[in-house]
Amino acid sequence: MSSLLNIGNTALKYCNYWALLSNFIIVILCVFFIFYFRYEVRTHTTINAQVLSVKPCTHKYKRTGRHSTIEKYYHCEMVVTYIVNNKKYKNKLITEDINKYYVNQQISIDYLNTDPNIIRHNRGYKYIYYIALFVLLLIIIGSYIRIVHYDNSMVKWWIGFTCMRNIFSSNN
């Protein structure tokens, strides 16, 4: 009986090590995303703009990949107007989304804080930034519990459950 208990404890220990290693990798990725998107959030501001005109989309071709495959894409151009610091701006915005925009439509754009004439579509970097922060917080809490409270029986049950879930959840 004690040999089965030793095997179980050893398996639980190695499963915990594997989970901590994967948590470490996820922490590194989250920190990278947080720093990258923090820069994007700080250098750009999101505002609403009004579409003034939409040119018909044209087909363009570009070479992609290592094998120089030719890919067809749409090149759509629209003119938008927006207000920054009580000053009205009017600029072109290029998109590949065909038939998505129409005149007088309100859209979200990002402008560069140092030059409001440089605009782009709102890419939702702020949301990715907050999601990465939330995931980082959960991973840190889970790792803390796995390391500091490893001897607690409830934590051992949790570690065992997550390990068994990973073993039996294969898509075979």
N, C-alpha and C. Protein backbone atom coordinates (compact mmCIF):
# COMPACT_ATOMS: atom_id res chain seq x y z
N MET A 1 0.82 -1.21 0.00
CA MET A 1 0.00 0.00 0.00
C MET A 1 0.86 1.26 0.00
N SER A 2 1.97 1.19 0.75
CA SER A 2 2.81 2.38 0.82
C SER A 2 3.50 2.64 -0.52
N SER A 3 3.77 1.58 -1.32
CA SER A 3 4.39 1.80 -2.62
C SER A 3 3.42 2.52 -3.57
N LEU A 4 2.11 2.18 -3.49
CA LEU A 4 1.12 2.90 -4.29
C LEU A 4 1.02 4.36 -3.86
N LEU A 5 1.10 4.58 -2.56
CA LEU A 5 1.05 5.95 -2.04
C LEU A 5 2.27 6.74 -2.50
N ASN A 6 3.44 6.10 -2.51
CA ASN A 6 4.66 6.77 -2.99
C ASN A 6 4.56 7.08 -4.48
N ILE A 7 4.01 6.13 -5.25
CA ILE A 7 3.84 6.37 -6.69
C ILE A 7 2.88 7.53 -6.91
N GLY A 8 1.79 7.56 -6.14
CA GLY A 8 0.82 8.65 -6.27
C GLY A 8 1.42 10.00 -5.91
N ASN A 9 2.20 10.05 -4.82
CA ASN A 9 2.83 11.31 -4.41
C ASN A 9 3.88 11.75 -5.44
N THR A 10 4.63 10.79 -5.98
CA THR A 10 5.62 11.14 -7.00
C THR A 10 4.94 11.66 -8.27
N ALA A 11 3.85 11.00 -8.68
CA ALA A 11 3.12 11.46 -9.86
C ALA A 11 2.54 12.85 -9.63
N LEU A 12 2.00 13.09 -8.44
CA LEU A 12 1.44 14.40 -8.10
C LEU A 12 2.53 15.47 -8.12
N LYS A 13 3.70 15.11 -7.60
CA LYS A 13 4.81 16.07 -7.57
C LYS A 13 5.25 16.43 -8.99
N TYR A 14 5.41 15.43 -9.86
CA TYR A 14 5.84 15.71 -11.23
C TYR A 14 4.75 16.43 -12.03
N CYS A 15 3.51 16.11 -11.76
CA CYS A 15 2.42 16.83 -12.43
C CYS A 15 2.44 18.30 -12.00
N ASN A 16 2.71 18.55 -10.73
CA ASN A 16 2.80 19.93 -10.24
C ASN A 16 3.98 20.65 -10.88
N TYR A 17 5.11 19.97 -11.02
CA TYR A 17 6.27 20.58 -11.68
C TYR A 17 5.94 20.94 -13.13
N TRP A 18 5.27 20.03 -13.82
CA TRP A 18 4.90 20.29 -15.22
C TRP A 18 3.96 21.49 -15.32
N ALA A 19 3.00 21.57 -14.41
CA ALA A 19 2.06 22.70 -14.41
C ALA A 19 2.79 24.00 -14.10
N LEU A 20 3.74 23.96 -13.17
CA LEU A 20 4.50 25.18 -12.86
C LEU A 20 5.37 25.61 -14.04
N LEU A 21 5.93 24.64 -14.76
CA LEU A 21 6.72 24.98 -15.94
C LEU A 21 5.84 25.63 -17.01
N SER A 22 4.67 25.06 -17.25
CA SER A 22 3.77 25.67 -18.24
C SER A 22 3.28 27.03 -17.76
N ASN A 23 3.05 27.19 -16.46
CA ASN A 23 2.67 28.50 -15.92
C ASN A 23 3.78 29.52 -16.15
N PHE A 24 5.03 29.10 -16.00
CA PHE A 24 6.16 30.00 -16.22
C PHE A 24 6.19 30.47 -17.67
N ILE A 25 5.96 29.56 -18.60
CA ILE A 25 5.94 29.92 -20.01
C ILE A 25 4.79 30.89 -20.30
N ILE A 26 3.62 30.65 -19.72
CA ILE A 26 2.48 31.53 -19.91
C ILE A 26 2.75 32.90 -19.30
N VAL A 27 3.42 32.94 -18.17
CA VAL A 27 3.77 34.23 -17.55
C VAL A 27 4.69 35.03 -18.47
N ILE A 28 5.67 34.36 -19.07
CA ILE A 28 6.58 35.06 -19.99
C ILE A 28 5.80 35.63 -21.17
N LEU A 29 4.90 34.84 -21.74
CA LEU A 29 4.08 35.33 -22.86
C LEU A 29 3.19 36.50 -22.44
N CYS A 30 2.57 36.38 -21.28
CA CYS A 30 1.69 37.46 -20.80
C CYS A 30 2.47 38.74 -20.57
N VAL A 31 3.66 38.64 -19.99
CA VAL A 31 4.48 39.83 -19.76
C VAL A 31 4.86 40.47 -21.09
N PHE A 32 5.21 39.66 -22.09
CA PHE A 32 5.51 40.20 -23.41
C PHE A 32 4.30 40.94 -23.97
N PHE A 33 3.13 40.29 -23.95
CA PHE A 33 1.92 40.93 -24.46
C PHE A 33 1.59 42.21 -23.69
N ILE A 34 1.75 42.18 -22.40
CA ILE A 34 1.43 43.36 -21.58
C ILE A 34 2.33 44.53 -21.96
N PHE A 35 3.64 44.28 -22.08
CA PHE A 35 4.53 45.38 -22.43
C PHE A 35 4.27 45.89 -23.85
N TYR A 36 4.04 44.98 -24.79
CA TYR A 36 3.79 45.40 -26.16
C TYR A 36 2.49 46.19 -26.25
N PHE A 37 1.42 45.68 -25.71
CA PHE A 37 0.13 46.35 -25.83
C PHE A 37 0.03 47.58 -24.92
N ARG A 38 0.82 47.60 -23.87
CA ARG A 38 0.86 48.80 -23.03
C ARG A 38 1.44 49.96 -23.84
N TYR A 39 2.46 49.67 -24.63
CA TYR A 39 3.03 50.69 -25.51
C TYR A 39 1.98 51.17 -26.51
N GLU A 40 1.26 50.23 -27.12
CA GLU A 40 0.23 50.58 -28.10
C GLU A 40 -0.87 51.42 -27.46
N VAL A 41 -1.29 51.04 -26.26
CA VAL A 41 -2.37 51.78 -25.59
C VAL A 41 -1.91 53.19 -25.22
N ARG A 42 -0.64 53.33 -24.83
CA ARG A 42 -0.14 54.65 -24.43
C ARG A 42 0.13 55.57 -25.61
N THR A 43 0.48 55.03 -26.77
CA THR A 43 0.86 55.87 -27.90
C THR A 43 -0.31 56.20 -28.81
N HIS A 44 -1.43 55.52 -28.66
CA HIS A 44 -2.59 55.75 -29.52
C HIS A 44 -3.83 56.01 -28.66
N THR A 45 -4.73 56.81 -29.21
CA THR A 45 -5.98 57.11 -28.54
C THR A 45 -7.13 56.69 -29.46
N THR A 46 -8.13 56.07 -28.87
CA THR A 46 -9.29 55.61 -29.65
C THR A 46 -10.39 56.66 -29.59
N ILE A 47 -10.92 57.00 -30.77
CA ILE A 47 -12.04 57.94 -30.86
C ILE A 47 -13.01 57.45 -31.94
N ASN A 48 -14.17 58.08 -31.99
CA ASN A 48 -15.14 57.79 -33.04
C ASN A 48 -14.91 58.74 -34.21
N ALA A 49 -15.08 58.21 -35.40
CA ALA A 49 -14.95 59.01 -36.62
C ALA A 49 -16.17 58.75 -37.49
N GLN A 50 -16.46 59.71 -38.35
CA GLN A 50 -17.58 59.57 -39.27
C GLN A 50 -17.05 59.36 -40.69
N VAL A 51 -17.62 58.38 -41.37
CA VAL A 51 -17.22 58.09 -42.74
C VAL A 51 -17.87 59.12 -43.66
N LEU A 52 -17.04 59.84 -44.42
CA LEU A 52 -17.55 60.85 -45.35
C LEU A 52 -17.78 60.27 -46.74
N SER A 53 -16.87 59.43 -47.20
CA SER A 53 -17.02 58.83 -48.52
C SER A 53 -16.32 57.48 -48.53
N VAL A 54 -16.82 56.61 -49.40
CA VAL A 54 -16.24 55.28 -49.56
C VAL A 54 -16.03 55.04 -51.04
N LYS A 55 -14.78 54.79 -51.42
CA LYS A 55 -14.48 54.48 -52.82
C LYS A 55 -14.76 52.99 -53.05
N PRO A 56 -15.16 52.64 -54.26
CA PRO A 56 -15.34 51.22 -54.57
C PRO A 56 -14.02 50.47 -54.39
N CYS A 57 -14.11 49.28 -53.87
CA CYS A 57 -12.92 48.48 -53.62
C CYS A 57 -12.33 47.96 -54.93
N THR A 58 -11.02 47.88 -54.96
CA THR A 58 -10.32 47.32 -56.12
C THR A 58 -9.59 46.06 -55.69
N HIS A 59 -9.35 45.18 -56.63
CA HIS A 59 -8.58 43.97 -56.36
C HIS A 59 -7.10 44.29 -56.52
N LYS A 60 -6.33 43.83 -55.57
CA LYS A 60 -4.87 43.96 -55.68
C LYS A 60 -4.27 42.60 -55.38
N TYR A 61 -3.03 42.45 -55.78
CA TYR A 61 -2.34 41.18 -55.57
C TYR A 61 -1.02 41.46 -54.86
N LYS A 62 -0.67 40.55 -53.97
CA LYS A 62 0.61 40.69 -53.28
C LYS A 62 1.22 39.30 -53.11
N ARG A 63 2.55 39.29 -53.05
CA ARG A 63 3.27 38.04 -52.82
C ARG A 63 3.38 37.81 -51.32
N THR A 64 3.09 36.58 -50.91
CA THR A 64 3.16 36.25 -49.49
C THR A 64 3.94 34.96 -49.29
N GLY A 65 4.50 34.81 -48.13
CA GLY A 65 5.15 33.57 -47.75
C GLY A 65 6.49 33.35 -48.41
N ARG A 66 7.11 32.26 -48.02
CA ARG A 66 8.42 31.91 -48.54
C ARG A 66 8.37 31.45 -49.99
N HIS A 67 7.24 30.89 -50.38
CA HIS A 67 7.12 30.35 -51.72
C HIS A 67 6.59 31.38 -52.71
N SER A 68 6.50 32.61 -52.29
CA SER A 68 6.06 33.71 -53.14
C SER A 68 4.72 33.42 -53.81
N THR A 69 3.79 32.92 -53.03
CA THR A 69 2.45 32.72 -53.58
C THR A 69 1.77 34.08 -53.74
N ILE A 70 0.95 34.19 -54.74
CA ILE A 70 0.26 35.45 -55.00
C ILE A 70 -1.11 35.38 -54.37
N GLU A 71 -1.41 36.37 -53.57
CA GLU A 71 -2.68 36.41 -52.85
C GLU A 71 -3.48 37.62 -53.31
N LYS A 72 -4.75 37.40 -53.55
CA LYS A 72 -5.65 38.48 -53.97
C LYS A 72 -6.29 39.07 -52.72
N TYR A 73 -6.34 40.39 -52.66
CA TYR A 73 -7.00 41.05 -51.54
C TYR A 73 -7.71 42.30 -52.05
N TYR A 74 -8.58 42.81 -51.23
CA TYR A 74 -9.32 44.02 -51.59
C TYR A 74 -8.62 45.24 -51.02
N HIS A 75 -8.61 46.29 -51.79
CA HIS A 75 -8.04 47.56 -51.36
C HIS A 75 -9.19 48.58 -51.37
N CYS A 76 -9.70 48.88 -50.19
CA CYS A 76 -10.83 49.80 -50.07
C CYS A 76 -10.35 51.07 -49.38
N GLU A 77 -10.80 52.18 -49.88
CA GLU A 77 -10.36 53.47 -49.36
C GLU A 77 -11.58 54.29 -48.97
N MET A 78 -11.50 54.90 -47.78
CA MET A 78 -12.59 55.78 -47.35
C MET A 78 -12.00 57.03 -46.72
N VAL A 79 -12.78 58.05 -46.70
CA VAL A 79 -12.38 59.31 -46.07
C VAL A 79 -13.22 59.45 -44.80
N VAL A 80 -12.53 59.73 -43.71
CA VAL A 80 -13.21 59.89 -42.42
C VAL A 80 -12.89 61.26 -41.84
N THR A 81 -13.78 61.71 -40.99
CA THR A 81 -13.56 62.96 -40.26
C THR A 81 -13.71 62.68 -38.77
N TYR A 82 -12.89 63.36 -38.00
CA TYR A 82 -12.90 63.16 -36.55
C TYR A 82 -12.38 64.42 -35.89
N ILE A 83 -12.63 64.56 -34.59
CA ILE A 83 -12.25 65.75 -33.84
C ILE A 83 -11.28 65.36 -32.74
N VAL A 84 -10.15 66.05 -32.70
CA VAL A 84 -9.14 65.87 -31.65
C VAL A 84 -8.81 67.24 -31.09
N ASN A 85 -9.01 67.43 -29.80
CA ASN A 85 -8.73 68.71 -29.12
C ASN A 85 -9.44 69.88 -29.81
N ASN A 86 -10.71 69.70 -30.10
CA ASN A 86 -11.56 70.71 -30.74
C ASN A 86 -11.07 71.11 -32.14
N LYS A 87 -10.26 70.29 -32.76
CA LYS A 87 -9.81 70.55 -34.12
C LYS A 87 -10.30 69.39 -35.00
N LYS A 88 -10.90 69.74 -36.13
CA LYS A 88 -11.47 68.75 -37.02
C LYS A 88 -10.41 68.27 -38.02
N TYR A 89 -10.30 66.95 -38.17
CA TYR A 89 -9.36 66.33 -39.10
C TYR A 89 -10.13 65.53 -40.13
N LYS A 90 -9.54 65.43 -41.32
CA LYS A 90 -10.12 64.67 -42.41
C LYS A 90 -8.99 63.89 -43.08
N ASN A 91 -9.08 62.56 -43.06
CA ASN A 91 -8.00 61.72 -43.58
C ASN A 91 -8.55 60.48 -44.29
N LYS A 92 -7.67 59.87 -45.08
CA LYS A 92 -7.99 58.61 -45.74
C LYS A 92 -7.70 57.45 -44.78
N LEU A 93 -8.52 56.43 -44.91
CA LEU A 93 -8.32 55.21 -44.13
C LEU A 93 -8.44 54.04 -45.10
N ILE A 94 -7.43 53.19 -45.13
CA ILE A 94 -7.39 52.05 -46.04
C ILE A 94 -7.86 50.81 -45.28
N THR A 95 -8.67 50.00 -45.95
CA THR A 95 -9.16 48.76 -45.35
C THR A 95 -9.24 47.67 -46.39
N GLU A 96 -9.34 46.44 -45.94
CA GLU A 96 -9.54 45.30 -46.83
C GLU A 96 -10.95 44.73 -46.70
N ASP A 97 -11.77 45.35 -45.86
CA ASP A 97 -13.14 44.88 -45.64
C ASP A 97 -14.06 45.43 -46.71
N ILE A 98 -14.53 44.57 -47.57
CA ILE A 98 -15.38 44.99 -48.67
C ILE A 98 -16.84 45.11 -48.19
N ASN A 99 -17.49 46.15 -48.61
CA ASN A 99 -18.92 46.39 -48.33
C ASN A 99 -19.25 46.43 -46.84
N LYS A 100 -18.31 46.82 -46.03
CA LYS A 100 -18.57 46.87 -44.59
C LYS A 100 -18.91 48.29 -44.13
N TYR A 101 -18.45 49.28 -44.86
CA TYR A 101 -18.61 50.66 -44.43
C TYR A 101 -19.50 51.42 -45.40
N TYR A 102 -20.20 52.40 -44.87
CA TYR A 102 -21.08 53.23 -45.70
C TYR A 102 -20.99 54.68 -45.21
N VAL A 103 -21.45 55.59 -46.01
CA VAL A 103 -21.37 57.02 -45.71
C VAL A 103 -22.19 57.34 -44.46
N ASN A 104 -21.66 58.23 -43.64
CA ASN A 104 -22.23 58.69 -42.36
C ASN A 104 -22.19 57.65 -41.25
N GLN A 105 -21.48 56.57 -41.46
CA GLN A 105 -21.33 55.56 -40.42
C GLN A 105 -20.31 56.02 -39.39
N GLN A 106 -20.57 55.73 -38.12
CA GLN A 106 -19.62 56.01 -37.05
C GLN A 106 -18.74 54.79 -36.84
N ILE A 107 -17.41 54.97 -36.90
CA ILE A 107 -16.47 53.87 -36.68
C ILE A 107 -15.46 54.30 -35.64
N SER A 108 -14.82 53.31 -35.02
CA SER A 108 -13.76 53.57 -34.05
C SER A 108 -12.41 53.54 -34.75
N ILE A 109 -11.63 54.57 -34.51
CA ILE A 109 -10.27 54.62 -35.06
C ILE A 109 -9.30 54.94 -33.93
N ASP A 110 -8.04 54.65 -34.18
CA ASP A 110 -6.95 55.03 -33.28
C ASP A 110 -6.10 56.07 -34.00
N TYR A 111 -5.74 57.12 -33.29
CA TYR A 111 -4.79 58.08 -33.86
C TYR A 111 -3.55 58.14 -32.98
N LEU A 112 -2.44 58.45 -33.60
CA LEU A 112 -1.18 58.56 -32.89
C LEU A 112 -1.20 59.83 -32.04
N ASN A 113 -0.85 59.71 -30.78
CA ASN A 113 -0.94 60.86 -29.86
C ASN A 113 -0.06 62.02 -30.29
N THR A 114 1.07 61.74 -30.90
CA THR A 114 1.98 62.81 -31.31
C THR A 114 1.59 63.44 -32.63
N ASP A 115 0.80 62.73 -33.45
CA ASP A 115 0.36 63.26 -34.75
C ASP A 115 -1.04 62.73 -35.07
N PRO A 116 -2.07 63.52 -34.82
CA PRO A 116 -3.45 63.06 -35.06
C PRO A 116 -3.76 62.75 -36.52
N ASN A 117 -2.89 63.10 -37.45
CA ASN A 117 -3.13 62.78 -38.85
C ASN A 117 -2.81 61.31 -39.17
N ILE A 118 -2.09 60.64 -38.31
CA ILE A 118 -1.78 59.23 -38.51
C ILE A 118 -2.85 58.41 -37.80
N ILE A 119 -3.68 57.74 -38.62
CA ILE A 119 -4.81 57.00 -38.06
C ILE A 119 -4.78 55.55 -38.56
N ARG A 120 -5.51 54.71 -37.86
CA ARG A 120 -5.68 53.31 -38.23
C ARG A 120 -7.00 52.82 -37.63
N HIS A 121 -7.45 51.67 -38.09
CA HIS A 121 -8.65 51.09 -37.49
C HIS A 121 -8.38 50.73 -36.04
N ASN A 122 -9.38 50.80 -35.22
CA ASN A 122 -9.25 50.39 -33.83
C ASN A 122 -9.07 48.87 -33.81
N ARG A 123 -7.97 48.43 -33.28
CA ARG A 123 -7.65 47.00 -33.29
C ARG A 123 -7.97 46.32 -31.97
N GLY A 124 -8.47 47.03 -31.00
CA GLY A 124 -8.84 46.42 -29.73
C GLY A 124 -7.66 46.04 -28.85
N TYR A 125 -6.54 46.75 -28.99
CA TYR A 125 -5.37 46.44 -28.18
C TYR A 125 -5.64 46.61 -26.69
N LYS A 126 -6.52 47.54 -26.35
CA LYS A 126 -6.82 47.78 -24.95
C LYS A 126 -7.43 46.53 -24.31
N TYR A 127 -8.29 45.84 -25.05
CA TYR A 127 -8.94 44.65 -24.51
C TYR A 127 -7.94 43.51 -24.36
N ILE A 128 -7.05 43.35 -25.33
CA ILE A 128 -6.03 42.30 -25.24
C ILE A 128 -5.11 42.59 -24.05
N TYR A 129 -4.79 43.84 -23.83
CA TYR A 129 -3.96 44.25 -22.69
C TYR A 129 -4.61 43.83 -21.37
N TYR A 130 -5.89 44.12 -21.21
CA TYR A 130 -6.58 43.78 -19.96
C TYR A 130 -6.77 42.28 -19.82
N ILE A 131 -6.99 41.57 -20.90
CA ILE A 131 -7.11 40.11 -20.83
C ILE A 131 -5.77 39.51 -20.40
N ALA A 132 -4.67 40.00 -20.96
CA ALA A 132 -3.35 39.50 -20.57
C ALA A 132 -3.06 39.78 -19.10
N LEU A 133 -3.47 40.94 -18.61
CA LEU A 133 -3.30 41.24 -17.18
C LEU A 133 -4.10 40.28 -16.31
N PHE A 134 -5.34 40.00 -16.72
CA PHE A 134 -6.20 39.09 -15.96
C PHE A 134 -5.63 37.67 -15.95
N VAL A 135 -5.18 37.19 -17.11
CA VAL A 135 -4.59 35.85 -17.18
C VAL A 135 -3.32 35.79 -16.34
N LEU A 136 -2.51 36.82 -16.39
CA LEU A 136 -1.29 36.86 -15.58
C LEU A 136 -1.62 36.78 -14.09
N LEU A 137 -2.63 37.52 -13.67
CA LEU A 137 -3.05 37.48 -12.27
C LEU A 137 -3.50 36.08 -11.86
N LEU A 138 -4.31 35.43 -12.69
CA LEU A 138 -4.78 34.08 -12.38
C LEU A 138 -3.63 33.08 -12.32
N ILE A 139 -2.69 33.19 -13.24
CA ILE A 139 -1.54 32.27 -13.27
C ILE A 139 -0.67 32.48 -12.04
N ILE A 140 -0.46 33.72 -11.64
CA ILE A 140 0.35 33.99 -10.45
C ILE A 140 -0.33 33.44 -9.20
N ILE A 141 -1.62 33.63 -9.08
CA ILE A 141 -2.34 33.10 -7.92
C ILE A 141 -2.28 31.58 -7.91
N GLY A 142 -2.52 30.95 -9.07
CA GLY A 142 -2.46 29.49 -9.14
C GLY A 142 -1.07 28.96 -8.83
N SER A 143 -0.04 29.61 -9.32
CA SER A 143 1.33 29.18 -9.03
C SER A 143 1.67 29.35 -7.56
N TYR A 144 1.22 30.46 -6.99
CA TYR A 144 1.44 30.68 -5.55
C TYR A 144 0.80 29.55 -4.74
N ILE A 145 -0.41 29.21 -5.08
CA ILE A 145 -1.10 28.14 -4.35
C ILE A 145 -0.37 26.81 -4.55
N ARG A 146 0.08 26.52 -5.76
CA ARG A 146 0.79 25.27 -6.04
C ARG A 146 2.12 25.19 -5.29
N ILE A 147 2.81 26.31 -5.12
CA ILE A 147 4.13 26.29 -4.47
C ILE A 147 4.01 26.36 -2.95
N VAL A 148 3.28 27.33 -2.44
CA VAL A 148 3.26 27.60 -1.00
C VAL A 148 2.35 26.64 -0.24
N HIS A 149 1.21 26.32 -0.82
CA HIS A 149 0.24 25.50 -0.10
C HIS A 149 0.18 24.07 -0.65
N TYR A 150 1.30 23.56 -1.13
CA TYR A 150 1.34 22.24 -1.74
C TYR A 150 0.94 21.14 -0.75
N ASP A 151 1.25 21.29 0.53
CA ASP A 151 0.97 20.26 1.53
C ASP A 151 -0.50 20.20 1.93
N ASN A 152 -1.29 21.18 1.58
CA ASN A 152 -2.71 21.19 1.91
C ASN A 152 -3.43 20.11 1.10
N SER A 153 -4.32 19.36 1.75
CA SER A 153 -4.99 18.25 1.06
C SER A 153 -5.92 18.75 -0.05
N MET A 154 -6.56 19.90 0.13
CA MET A 154 -7.43 20.44 -0.91
C MET A 154 -6.61 20.86 -2.14
N VAL A 155 -5.43 21.39 -1.91
CA VAL A 155 -4.56 21.78 -3.03
C VAL A 155 -4.09 20.53 -3.76
N LYS A 156 -3.77 19.47 -3.01
CA LYS A 156 -3.38 18.22 -3.67
C LYS A 156 -4.53 17.65 -4.51
N TRP A 157 -5.74 17.75 -4.00
CA TRP A 157 -6.90 17.31 -4.79
C TRP A 157 -7.02 18.14 -6.07
N TRP A 158 -6.83 19.44 -5.93
CA TRP A 158 -6.92 20.34 -7.09
C TRP A 158 -5.83 20.02 -8.12
N ILE A 159 -4.60 19.80 -7.64
CA ILE A 159 -3.50 19.45 -8.54
C ILE A 159 -3.79 18.12 -9.22
N GLY A 160 -4.26 17.16 -8.46
CA GLY A 160 -4.59 15.86 -9.03
C GLY A 160 -5.71 15.95 -10.05
N PHE A 161 -6.73 16.74 -9.74
CA PHE A 161 -7.85 16.91 -10.67
C PHE A 161 -7.40 17.55 -11.97
N THR A 162 -6.59 18.61 -11.87
CA THR A 162 -6.12 19.27 -13.10
C THR A 162 -5.22 18.34 -13.90
N CYS A 163 -4.43 17.53 -13.20
CA CYS A 163 -3.54 16.59 -13.90
C CYS A 163 -4.36 15.51 -14.60
N MET A 164 -5.33 14.95 -13.91
CA MET A 164 -6.18 13.91 -14.51
C MET A 164 -7.00 14.48 -15.66
N ARG A 165 -7.47 15.70 -15.52
CA ARG A 165 -8.23 16.33 -16.59
C ARG A 165 -7.37 16.48 -17.84
N ASN A 166 -6.11 16.84 -17.65
CA ASN A 166 -5.20 16.99 -18.79
C ASN A 166 -4.88 15.64 -19.43
N ILE A 167 -4.77 14.61 -18.63
CA ILE A 167 -4.45 13.27 -19.17
C ILE A 167 -5.63 12.72 -19.98
N PHE A 168 -6.82 12.84 -19.44
CA PHE A 168 -7.99 12.23 -20.08
C PHE A 168 -8.71 13.12 -21.08
N SER A 169 -8.25 14.34 -21.27
CA SER A 169 -8.94 15.22 -22.20
C SER A 169 -8.29 15.24 -23.58
N SER A 170 -7.50 14.24 -23.89
CA SER A 170 -6.87 14.21 -25.22
C SER A 170 -7.95 13.98 -26.28
N ASN A 171 -7.70 14.49 -27.45
CA ASN A 171 -8.69 14.43 -28.54
C ASN A 171 -8.48 13.19 -29.40
N ASN A 172 -8.22 12.07 -28.79
CA ASN A 172 -8.02 10.82 -29.54
C ASN A 172 -9.31 10.13 -29.83
